N, C-alpha and C. Protein backbone atom coordinates (compact mmCIF):
# COMPACT_ATOMS: atom_id res chain seq x y z
N UNK A 1 -44.98 4.56 -14.16
CA UNK A 1 -44.79 5.48 -15.26
C UNK A 1 -46.01 5.50 -16.17
N UNK A 2 -46.49 4.30 -16.52
CA UNK A 2 -47.63 4.24 -17.45
C UNK A 2 -48.86 4.91 -16.87
N UNK A 3 -49.00 4.89 -15.57
CA UNK A 3 -50.17 5.47 -14.93
C UNK A 3 -50.08 6.96 -14.69
N UNK A 4 -48.98 7.57 -15.15
CA UNK A 4 -48.75 9.01 -15.00
C UNK A 4 -48.70 9.44 -13.54
N UNK A 5 -48.33 8.53 -12.66
CA UNK A 5 -48.18 8.87 -11.25
C UNK A 5 -46.76 9.32 -10.94
N UNK A 6 -45.81 8.92 -11.77
CA UNK A 6 -44.40 9.29 -11.63
C UNK A 6 -43.93 9.92 -12.93
N UNK A 7 -42.93 10.78 -12.82
CA UNK A 7 -42.33 11.33 -14.03
C UNK A 7 -40.99 10.64 -14.26
N UNK A 8 -40.63 10.39 -15.49
CA UNK A 8 -39.38 9.68 -15.77
C UNK A 8 -38.16 10.53 -15.43
N UNK A 9 -37.10 9.86 -14.96
CA UNK A 9 -35.82 10.54 -14.68
C UNK A 9 -35.04 10.77 -15.97
N UNK A 10 -35.30 9.94 -16.96
CA UNK A 10 -34.61 10.06 -18.24
C UNK A 10 -35.44 9.42 -19.32
N UNK A 11 -35.07 9.69 -20.56
CA UNK A 11 -35.82 9.12 -21.67
C UNK A 11 -37.20 9.75 -21.78
N UNK A 12 -38.06 9.10 -22.52
CA UNK A 12 -39.43 9.60 -22.67
C UNK A 12 -40.41 8.47 -22.43
N UNK A 13 -41.56 8.84 -21.93
CA UNK A 13 -42.68 7.92 -21.75
C UNK A 13 -43.86 8.54 -22.47
N UNK A 14 -44.32 7.87 -23.53
CA UNK A 14 -45.45 8.35 -24.31
C UNK A 14 -46.72 7.63 -23.84
N UNK A 15 -47.69 8.39 -23.41
CA UNK A 15 -48.98 7.85 -23.00
C UNK A 15 -50.06 8.59 -23.77
N UNK A 16 -50.83 7.84 -24.55
CA UNK A 16 -51.93 8.43 -25.32
C UNK A 16 -51.45 9.63 -26.13
N UNK A 17 -50.26 9.52 -26.72
CA UNK A 17 -49.74 10.57 -27.57
C UNK A 17 -49.10 11.74 -26.85
N UNK A 18 -48.92 11.64 -25.55
CA UNK A 18 -48.33 12.73 -24.76
C UNK A 18 -47.03 12.27 -24.12
N UNK A 19 -46.04 13.15 -24.11
CA UNK A 19 -44.77 12.88 -23.43
C UNK A 19 -44.98 13.17 -21.95
N UNK A 20 -45.06 12.13 -21.14
CA UNK A 20 -45.38 12.27 -19.71
C UNK A 20 -44.39 13.17 -18.98
N UNK A 21 -43.13 13.16 -19.37
CA UNK A 21 -42.12 13.97 -18.70
C UNK A 21 -42.27 15.46 -18.93
N UNK A 22 -43.01 15.84 -19.93
CA UNK A 22 -43.18 17.26 -20.26
C UNK A 22 -44.50 17.84 -19.75
N UNK A 23 -45.30 17.03 -19.11
CA UNK A 23 -46.61 17.49 -18.66
C UNK A 23 -46.55 18.02 -17.23
N UNK A 24 -47.33 19.05 -16.97
CA UNK A 24 -47.45 19.54 -15.59
C UNK A 24 -48.23 18.52 -14.77
N UNK A 25 -48.15 18.62 -13.46
CA UNK A 25 -48.90 17.70 -12.59
C UNK A 25 -50.39 17.82 -12.88
N UNK A 26 -50.88 19.02 -13.09
CA UNK A 26 -52.30 19.23 -13.38
C UNK A 26 -52.70 18.52 -14.67
N UNK A 27 -51.87 18.66 -15.70
CA UNK A 27 -52.19 18.03 -17.00
C UNK A 27 -52.12 16.51 -16.90
N UNK A 28 -51.15 15.99 -16.10
CA UNK A 28 -51.09 14.54 -15.89
C UNK A 28 -52.36 14.06 -15.19
N UNK A 29 -52.83 14.83 -14.20
CA UNK A 29 -54.05 14.46 -13.48
C UNK A 29 -55.25 14.46 -14.44
N UNK A 30 -55.32 15.45 -15.31
CA UNK A 30 -56.41 15.52 -16.29
C UNK A 30 -56.36 14.31 -17.23
N UNK A 31 -55.17 13.96 -17.67
CA UNK A 31 -55.02 12.80 -18.56
C UNK A 31 -55.38 11.51 -17.86
N UNK A 32 -54.97 11.38 -16.59
CA UNK A 32 -55.33 10.17 -15.82
C UNK A 32 -56.84 10.01 -15.76
N UNK A 33 -57.53 11.10 -15.48
CA UNK A 33 -58.98 11.04 -15.36
C UNK A 33 -59.65 10.74 -16.70
N UNK A 34 -59.21 11.40 -17.75
CA UNK A 34 -59.89 11.30 -19.04
C UNK A 34 -59.51 10.06 -19.85
N UNK A 35 -58.28 9.57 -19.73
CA UNK A 35 -57.79 8.57 -20.67
C UNK A 35 -57.36 7.24 -20.07
N UNK A 36 -57.21 7.19 -18.72
CA UNK A 36 -56.72 5.98 -18.07
C UNK A 36 -57.74 5.46 -17.06
N UNK A 37 -57.85 4.16 -16.97
CA UNK A 37 -58.65 3.52 -15.93
C UNK A 37 -57.73 2.66 -15.08
N UNK A 38 -57.98 2.60 -13.80
CA UNK A 38 -57.12 1.86 -12.89
C UNK A 38 -57.92 0.76 -12.20
N UNK A 39 -57.33 -0.42 -12.16
CA UNK A 39 -57.93 -1.55 -11.46
C UNK A 39 -56.87 -2.07 -10.49
N UNK A 40 -57.09 -1.82 -9.21
CA UNK A 40 -56.10 -2.13 -8.19
C UNK A 40 -56.32 -3.50 -7.57
N UNK A 41 -55.23 -4.11 -7.14
CA UNK A 41 -55.28 -5.43 -6.50
C UNK A 41 -56.20 -5.42 -5.28
N UNK A 42 -56.14 -4.37 -4.50
CA UNK A 42 -56.94 -4.29 -3.28
C UNK A 42 -58.19 -3.43 -3.45
N UNK A 43 -58.64 -3.30 -4.68
CA UNK A 43 -59.90 -2.67 -5.07
C UNK A 43 -59.89 -1.14 -4.92
N UNK A 44 -59.44 -0.62 -3.79
CA UNK A 44 -59.44 0.82 -3.51
C UNK A 44 -60.83 1.44 -3.66
N UNK A 45 -61.83 0.74 -3.18
CA UNK A 45 -63.19 1.29 -3.16
C UNK A 45 -63.35 2.14 -1.91
N UNK A 46 -64.11 3.21 -2.02
CA UNK A 46 -64.39 4.04 -0.85
C UNK A 46 -65.48 3.36 -0.03
N UNK A 47 -65.15 3.05 1.21
CA UNK A 47 -66.04 2.27 2.07
C UNK A 47 -67.36 2.97 2.38
N UNK A 48 -67.36 4.29 2.37
CA UNK A 48 -68.57 5.03 2.71
C UNK A 48 -69.54 5.16 1.53
N UNK A 49 -69.10 4.74 0.34
CA UNK A 49 -69.94 4.86 -0.85
C UNK A 49 -70.50 3.51 -1.26
N UNK A 50 -71.66 3.52 -1.88
CA UNK A 50 -72.24 2.29 -2.43
C UNK A 50 -71.50 1.92 -3.72
N UNK A 51 -71.80 0.76 -4.23
CA UNK A 51 -71.17 0.31 -5.49
C UNK A 51 -71.41 1.31 -6.60
N UNK A 52 -72.65 1.73 -6.77
CA UNK A 52 -72.98 2.65 -7.86
C UNK A 52 -72.28 4.00 -7.65
N UNK A 53 -72.15 4.45 -6.41
CA UNK A 53 -71.47 5.72 -6.13
C UNK A 53 -69.96 5.60 -6.40
N UNK A 54 -69.36 4.46 -6.06
CA UNK A 54 -67.94 4.24 -6.34
C UNK A 54 -67.68 4.28 -7.84
N UNK A 55 -68.55 3.65 -8.62
CA UNK A 55 -68.37 3.61 -10.07
C UNK A 55 -68.62 4.99 -10.69
N UNK A 56 -69.56 5.73 -10.16
CA UNK A 56 -69.90 7.05 -10.69
C UNK A 56 -68.87 8.12 -10.34
N UNK A 57 -68.04 7.87 -9.33
CA UNK A 57 -67.13 8.89 -8.82
C UNK A 57 -66.22 9.52 -9.89
N UNK A 58 -65.52 8.76 -10.72
CA UNK A 58 -64.68 9.43 -11.73
C UNK A 58 -65.49 10.25 -12.72
N UNK A 59 -66.69 9.82 -13.01
CA UNK A 59 -67.56 10.59 -13.90
C UNK A 59 -67.93 11.93 -13.28
N UNK A 60 -68.23 11.91 -12.00
CA UNK A 60 -68.57 13.15 -11.30
C UNK A 60 -67.38 14.10 -11.27
N UNK A 61 -66.17 13.55 -11.03
CA UNK A 61 -64.96 14.38 -11.05
C UNK A 61 -64.75 15.00 -12.42
N UNK A 62 -65.18 14.31 -13.46
CA UNK A 62 -65.03 14.81 -14.83
C UNK A 62 -66.12 15.80 -15.21
N UNK A 63 -67.04 16.07 -14.29
CA UNK A 63 -68.08 17.05 -14.55
C UNK A 63 -69.38 16.49 -15.10
N UNK A 64 -69.49 15.17 -15.15
CA UNK A 64 -70.74 14.56 -15.62
C UNK A 64 -71.81 14.77 -14.55
N UNK A 65 -72.98 15.20 -14.97
CA UNK A 65 -74.07 15.43 -14.01
C UNK A 65 -74.45 14.13 -13.32
N UNK A 66 -74.90 14.27 -12.09
CA UNK A 66 -75.16 13.10 -11.26
C UNK A 66 -76.10 12.09 -11.91
N UNK A 67 -77.24 12.49 -12.48
CA UNK A 67 -78.13 11.48 -13.08
C UNK A 67 -77.46 10.67 -14.19
N UNK A 68 -76.68 11.35 -15.04
CA UNK A 68 -75.99 10.65 -16.13
C UNK A 68 -74.88 9.75 -15.58
N UNK A 69 -74.17 10.21 -14.56
CA UNK A 69 -73.11 9.41 -13.96
C UNK A 69 -73.68 8.16 -13.30
N UNK A 70 -74.79 8.31 -12.61
CA UNK A 70 -75.44 7.17 -11.95
C UNK A 70 -75.96 6.19 -13.00
N UNK A 71 -76.53 6.71 -14.08
CA UNK A 71 -77.04 5.83 -15.15
C UNK A 71 -75.91 5.02 -15.78
N UNK A 72 -74.78 5.66 -16.05
CA UNK A 72 -73.62 4.96 -16.62
C UNK A 72 -73.10 3.91 -15.63
N UNK A 73 -73.03 4.28 -14.36
CA UNK A 73 -72.55 3.34 -13.33
C UNK A 73 -73.48 2.13 -13.24
N UNK A 74 -74.77 2.37 -13.26
CA UNK A 74 -75.73 1.25 -13.21
C UNK A 74 -75.57 0.34 -14.43
N UNK A 75 -75.38 0.93 -15.60
CA UNK A 75 -75.20 0.16 -16.82
C UNK A 75 -73.97 -0.76 -16.69
N UNK A 76 -72.86 -0.21 -16.24
CA UNK A 76 -71.64 -1.01 -16.09
C UNK A 76 -71.80 -2.10 -15.05
N UNK A 77 -72.44 -1.78 -13.93
CA UNK A 77 -72.66 -2.80 -12.90
C UNK A 77 -73.55 -3.92 -13.45
N UNK A 78 -74.55 -3.54 -14.22
CA UNK A 78 -75.42 -4.54 -14.84
C UNK A 78 -74.62 -5.44 -15.79
N UNK A 79 -73.76 -4.84 -16.62
CA UNK A 79 -72.95 -5.60 -17.57
C UNK A 79 -72.01 -6.58 -16.86
N UNK A 80 -71.61 -6.24 -15.64
CA UNK A 80 -70.72 -7.11 -14.87
C UNK A 80 -71.49 -7.95 -13.85
N UNK A 81 -72.78 -8.12 -14.11
CA UNK A 81 -73.66 -8.96 -13.27
C UNK A 81 -73.74 -8.49 -11.83
N UNK A 82 -73.74 -7.17 -11.62
CA UNK A 82 -73.81 -6.63 -10.27
C UNK A 82 -74.94 -5.63 -10.08
N UNK A 83 -75.88 -5.61 -10.99
CA UNK A 83 -76.99 -4.68 -10.85
C UNK A 83 -77.71 -4.81 -9.52
N UNK A 84 -77.81 -6.02 -9.02
CA UNK A 84 -78.49 -6.28 -7.76
C UNK A 84 -77.67 -5.85 -6.54
N UNK A 85 -76.41 -5.45 -6.74
CA UNK A 85 -75.54 -5.03 -5.63
C UNK A 85 -75.22 -3.53 -5.70
N UNK A 86 -75.95 -2.80 -6.54
CA UNK A 86 -75.66 -1.38 -6.77
C UNK A 86 -75.69 -0.54 -5.51
N UNK A 87 -76.55 -0.87 -4.57
CA UNK A 87 -76.69 -0.03 -3.37
C UNK A 87 -76.03 -0.63 -2.14
N UNK A 88 -75.14 -1.59 -2.36
CA UNK A 88 -74.38 -2.17 -1.25
C UNK A 88 -73.03 -1.48 -1.12
N UNK A 89 -72.59 -1.32 0.11
CA UNK A 89 -71.26 -0.76 0.37
C UNK A 89 -70.23 -1.90 0.29
N UNK A 90 -68.96 -1.57 0.09
CA UNK A 90 -67.93 -2.60 -0.06
C UNK A 90 -67.90 -3.65 1.05
N UNK A 91 -68.17 -3.26 2.27
CA UNK A 91 -68.13 -4.22 3.39
C UNK A 91 -69.13 -5.36 3.21
N UNK A 92 -70.18 -5.13 2.42
CA UNK A 92 -71.22 -6.14 2.22
C UNK A 92 -70.99 -6.97 0.95
N UNK A 93 -69.86 -6.75 0.27
CA UNK A 93 -69.58 -7.44 -0.99
C UNK A 93 -68.51 -8.51 -0.81
N UNK A 94 -68.58 -9.55 -1.63
CA UNK A 94 -67.52 -10.57 -1.66
C UNK A 94 -66.31 -10.00 -2.40
N UNK A 95 -65.19 -10.72 -2.35
CA UNK A 95 -64.00 -10.29 -3.07
C UNK A 95 -64.24 -10.15 -4.56
N UNK A 96 -64.93 -11.12 -5.14
CA UNK A 96 -65.23 -11.06 -6.57
C UNK A 96 -66.13 -9.90 -6.92
N UNK A 97 -67.10 -9.62 -6.06
CA UNK A 97 -67.99 -8.49 -6.30
C UNK A 97 -67.23 -7.17 -6.19
N UNK A 98 -66.36 -7.05 -5.20
CA UNK A 98 -65.56 -5.83 -5.06
C UNK A 98 -64.69 -5.62 -6.30
N UNK A 99 -64.09 -6.70 -6.80
CA UNK A 99 -63.22 -6.57 -7.97
C UNK A 99 -64.02 -6.17 -9.20
N UNK A 100 -65.25 -6.66 -9.33
CA UNK A 100 -66.09 -6.26 -10.47
C UNK A 100 -66.55 -4.82 -10.33
N UNK A 101 -66.82 -4.35 -9.11
CA UNK A 101 -67.14 -2.93 -8.90
C UNK A 101 -65.93 -2.09 -9.31
N UNK A 102 -64.74 -2.52 -8.89
CA UNK A 102 -63.52 -1.80 -9.25
C UNK A 102 -63.31 -1.82 -10.77
N UNK A 103 -63.63 -2.93 -11.41
CA UNK A 103 -63.52 -3.01 -12.87
C UNK A 103 -64.51 -2.05 -13.54
N UNK A 104 -65.72 -1.99 -13.02
CA UNK A 104 -66.72 -1.06 -13.56
C UNK A 104 -66.23 0.38 -13.42
N UNK A 105 -65.65 0.69 -12.26
CA UNK A 105 -65.11 2.04 -12.06
C UNK A 105 -63.99 2.32 -13.06
N UNK A 106 -63.12 1.34 -13.32
CA UNK A 106 -62.03 1.51 -14.27
C UNK A 106 -62.55 1.76 -15.69
N UNK A 107 -63.69 1.18 -16.00
CA UNK A 107 -64.29 1.31 -17.33
C UNK A 107 -65.18 2.55 -17.48
N UNK A 108 -65.53 3.19 -16.38
CA UNK A 108 -66.57 4.22 -16.37
C UNK A 108 -66.34 5.36 -17.36
N UNK A 109 -65.12 5.82 -17.47
CA UNK A 109 -64.84 6.97 -18.34
C UNK A 109 -64.59 6.56 -19.79
N UNK A 110 -64.70 5.26 -20.09
CA UNK A 110 -64.39 4.80 -21.45
C UNK A 110 -62.93 5.08 -21.78
N UNK A 111 -62.01 4.67 -20.89
CA UNK A 111 -60.60 5.03 -21.07
C UNK A 111 -59.96 4.37 -22.28
N UNK A 112 -58.90 4.99 -22.76
CA UNK A 112 -58.10 4.40 -23.83
C UNK A 112 -57.34 3.19 -23.31
N UNK A 113 -56.87 3.30 -22.06
CA UNK A 113 -56.04 2.26 -21.46
C UNK A 113 -56.51 1.99 -20.03
N UNK A 114 -56.64 0.71 -19.70
CA UNK A 114 -56.92 0.30 -18.32
C UNK A 114 -55.67 -0.38 -17.80
N UNK A 115 -55.19 0.09 -16.66
CA UNK A 115 -54.02 -0.49 -16.01
C UNK A 115 -54.51 -1.34 -14.85
N UNK A 116 -54.24 -2.62 -14.90
CA UNK A 116 -54.73 -3.56 -13.88
C UNK A 116 -53.55 -4.19 -13.15
N UNK A 117 -53.50 -3.97 -11.85
CA UNK A 117 -52.44 -4.52 -11.01
C UNK A 117 -52.97 -5.74 -10.27
N UNK A 118 -52.50 -6.92 -10.66
CA UNK A 118 -52.90 -8.18 -10.02
C UNK A 118 -54.42 -8.27 -9.82
N UNK A 119 -55.20 -8.14 -10.89
CA UNK A 119 -56.66 -8.08 -10.74
C UNK A 119 -57.31 -9.35 -10.21
N UNK A 120 -56.60 -10.47 -10.21
CA UNK A 120 -57.19 -11.72 -9.71
C UNK A 120 -56.52 -12.22 -8.43
N UNK A 121 -55.60 -11.45 -7.88
CA UNK A 121 -54.79 -11.92 -6.75
C UNK A 121 -55.61 -12.30 -5.52
N UNK A 122 -56.69 -11.60 -5.26
CA UNK A 122 -57.49 -11.86 -4.06
C UNK A 122 -58.72 -12.70 -4.34
N UNK A 123 -58.75 -13.36 -5.49
CA UNK A 123 -59.93 -14.11 -5.90
C UNK A 123 -59.61 -15.59 -6.05
N UNK A 124 -60.62 -16.44 -5.81
CA UNK A 124 -60.43 -17.86 -6.10
C UNK A 124 -60.37 -18.02 -7.61
N UNK A 125 -59.93 -19.18 -8.07
CA UNK A 125 -59.68 -19.36 -9.51
C UNK A 125 -60.93 -19.17 -10.36
N UNK A 126 -62.07 -19.69 -9.92
CA UNK A 126 -63.30 -19.56 -10.71
C UNK A 126 -63.73 -18.10 -10.81
N UNK A 127 -63.70 -17.39 -9.69
CA UNK A 127 -64.09 -15.97 -9.69
C UNK A 127 -63.08 -15.15 -10.48
N UNK A 128 -61.80 -15.47 -10.34
CA UNK A 128 -60.77 -14.76 -11.09
C UNK A 128 -60.95 -14.90 -12.59
N UNK A 129 -61.29 -16.10 -13.01
CA UNK A 129 -61.53 -16.34 -14.44
C UNK A 129 -62.74 -15.54 -14.93
N UNK A 130 -63.81 -15.52 -14.13
CA UNK A 130 -65.01 -14.80 -14.51
C UNK A 130 -64.75 -13.30 -14.57
N UNK A 131 -64.08 -12.75 -13.55
CA UNK A 131 -63.80 -11.32 -13.51
C UNK A 131 -62.91 -10.92 -14.69
N UNK A 132 -61.87 -11.69 -14.96
CA UNK A 132 -60.97 -11.33 -16.06
C UNK A 132 -61.67 -11.42 -17.41
N UNK A 133 -62.53 -12.41 -17.59
CA UNK A 133 -63.28 -12.53 -18.85
C UNK A 133 -64.24 -11.36 -19.01
N UNK A 134 -64.91 -10.97 -17.93
CA UNK A 134 -65.83 -9.84 -18.00
C UNK A 134 -65.09 -8.54 -18.27
N UNK A 135 -63.93 -8.36 -17.64
CA UNK A 135 -63.13 -7.16 -17.89
C UNK A 135 -62.70 -7.12 -19.35
N UNK A 136 -62.21 -8.23 -19.87
CA UNK A 136 -61.76 -8.28 -21.26
C UNK A 136 -62.91 -7.99 -22.22
N UNK A 137 -64.07 -8.55 -21.95
CA UNK A 137 -65.24 -8.34 -22.80
C UNK A 137 -65.69 -6.88 -22.78
N UNK A 138 -65.78 -6.32 -21.58
CA UNK A 138 -66.22 -4.92 -21.45
C UNK A 138 -65.21 -3.98 -22.09
N UNK A 139 -63.93 -4.23 -21.89
CA UNK A 139 -62.89 -3.38 -22.49
C UNK A 139 -62.94 -3.45 -24.01
N UNK A 140 -63.14 -4.65 -24.53
CA UNK A 140 -63.23 -4.82 -25.99
C UNK A 140 -64.44 -4.07 -26.54
N UNK A 141 -65.56 -4.12 -25.83
CA UNK A 141 -66.78 -3.46 -26.28
C UNK A 141 -66.59 -1.95 -26.40
N UNK A 142 -65.75 -1.37 -25.55
CA UNK A 142 -65.55 0.08 -25.64
C UNK A 142 -64.18 0.44 -26.20
N UNK A 143 -63.51 -0.55 -26.81
CA UNK A 143 -62.24 -0.34 -27.51
C UNK A 143 -61.15 0.21 -26.61
N UNK A 144 -61.05 -0.32 -25.39
CA UNK A 144 -59.99 0.06 -24.46
C UNK A 144 -58.91 -1.01 -24.46
N UNK A 145 -57.67 -0.58 -24.37
CA UNK A 145 -56.56 -1.52 -24.18
C UNK A 145 -56.46 -1.82 -22.69
N UNK A 146 -56.07 -3.04 -22.36
CA UNK A 146 -55.89 -3.41 -20.95
C UNK A 146 -54.45 -3.88 -20.77
N UNK A 147 -53.76 -3.27 -19.83
CA UNK A 147 -52.41 -3.68 -19.47
C UNK A 147 -52.51 -4.31 -18.09
N UNK A 148 -52.18 -5.60 -18.01
CA UNK A 148 -52.30 -6.33 -16.75
C UNK A 148 -50.90 -6.72 -16.26
N UNK A 149 -50.62 -6.41 -15.01
CA UNK A 149 -49.41 -6.88 -14.35
C UNK A 149 -49.87 -7.95 -13.39
N UNK A 150 -49.34 -9.18 -13.56
CA UNK A 150 -49.85 -10.29 -12.75
C UNK A 150 -48.84 -11.43 -12.65
N UNK A 151 -49.06 -12.25 -11.64
CA UNK A 151 -48.33 -13.52 -11.51
C UNK A 151 -49.24 -14.68 -11.94
N UNK A 152 -50.49 -14.37 -12.28
CA UNK A 152 -51.50 -15.37 -12.61
C UNK A 152 -51.39 -15.76 -14.09
N UNK A 153 -50.74 -16.87 -14.36
CA UNK A 153 -50.51 -17.31 -15.74
C UNK A 153 -51.81 -17.58 -16.49
N UNK A 154 -52.91 -17.84 -15.77
CA UNK A 154 -54.19 -18.10 -16.43
C UNK A 154 -54.68 -16.90 -17.23
N UNK A 155 -54.23 -15.71 -16.88
CA UNK A 155 -54.66 -14.52 -17.60
C UNK A 155 -54.07 -14.43 -19.00
N UNK A 156 -53.07 -15.24 -19.28
CA UNK A 156 -52.50 -15.26 -20.63
C UNK A 156 -53.55 -15.65 -21.67
N UNK A 157 -54.55 -16.42 -21.25
CA UNK A 157 -55.60 -16.87 -22.17
C UNK A 157 -56.42 -15.73 -22.76
N UNK A 158 -56.51 -14.61 -22.04
CA UNK A 158 -57.31 -13.49 -22.54
C UNK A 158 -56.45 -12.41 -23.18
N UNK A 159 -55.13 -12.61 -23.19
CA UNK A 159 -54.21 -11.58 -23.67
C UNK A 159 -53.95 -11.70 -25.16
N UNK A 160 -53.84 -10.56 -25.82
CA UNK A 160 -53.42 -10.52 -27.21
C UNK A 160 -51.89 -10.60 -27.31
N UNK A 161 -51.24 -10.10 -26.27
CA UNK A 161 -49.77 -10.09 -26.24
C UNK A 161 -49.33 -10.30 -24.80
N UNK A 162 -48.28 -11.09 -24.60
CA UNK A 162 -47.76 -11.39 -23.27
C UNK A 162 -46.28 -11.06 -23.22
N UNK A 163 -45.88 -10.32 -22.21
CA UNK A 163 -44.47 -10.02 -21.96
C UNK A 163 -44.09 -10.65 -20.63
N UNK A 164 -43.06 -11.46 -20.62
CA UNK A 164 -42.58 -12.09 -19.38
C UNK A 164 -41.36 -11.31 -18.90
N UNK A 165 -41.45 -10.80 -17.67
CA UNK A 165 -40.35 -10.06 -17.07
C UNK A 165 -39.83 -10.82 -15.86
N UNK A 166 -38.53 -10.71 -15.64
CA UNK A 166 -37.93 -11.26 -14.42
C UNK A 166 -36.81 -10.32 -14.00
N UNK A 167 -36.87 -9.87 -12.76
CA UNK A 167 -35.86 -8.95 -12.22
C UNK A 167 -35.67 -7.73 -13.13
N UNK A 168 -36.79 -7.22 -13.66
CA UNK A 168 -36.75 -6.02 -14.48
C UNK A 168 -36.27 -6.23 -15.91
N UNK A 169 -36.08 -7.47 -16.31
CA UNK A 169 -35.60 -7.76 -17.66
C UNK A 169 -36.66 -8.52 -18.45
N UNK A 170 -36.79 -8.17 -19.72
CA UNK A 170 -37.71 -8.86 -20.61
C UNK A 170 -37.12 -10.22 -20.97
N UNK A 171 -37.85 -11.29 -20.63
CA UNK A 171 -37.40 -12.65 -20.94
C UNK A 171 -37.97 -13.14 -22.25
N UNK A 172 -39.26 -12.87 -22.46
CA UNK A 172 -39.93 -13.38 -23.67
C UNK A 172 -41.14 -12.52 -23.96
N UNK A 173 -41.51 -12.49 -25.22
CA UNK A 173 -42.70 -11.77 -25.65
C UNK A 173 -43.43 -12.63 -26.68
N UNK A 174 -44.75 -12.66 -26.57
CA UNK A 174 -45.57 -13.37 -27.54
C UNK A 174 -46.60 -12.41 -28.11
N UNK A 175 -46.98 -12.63 -29.33
CA UNK A 175 -48.00 -11.76 -29.94
C UNK A 175 -49.18 -12.58 -30.37
């Protein structure tokens, strides 16, 4: 629901000031591109594109000219310590590098909200800690909120607020 991929059957879902249930599919797609960033557990990088091309892709879809999109992508890759991997395709990257490329892509449009699904699930603990810290730092720098769904309790250290759910029920919340 939060990602505007589904419409609610009842009630309302407010995302960035918009009632998701009242938006057309086209308008939801526009909002997803302009206001939301996605960080998937399995990266969802396009294998035929280099790191810099994967990061630049949402910018290009938004109409940003190629030189500006590439410059922004390079900047984000550099901030996530991946400048030296800009021209590598996903098959040549480690799990941590792929996740940082995916994080850079999620940050590319300067979204209001980044939705992260198990962002450390495929990473060892040291790499997971580094990736999550870099994501938090980059998101803070551009004033983006990050919503993380995870089983990794270590991510609580970077959270401003934690909600514990079990079987679809809220068990506890911390602020």
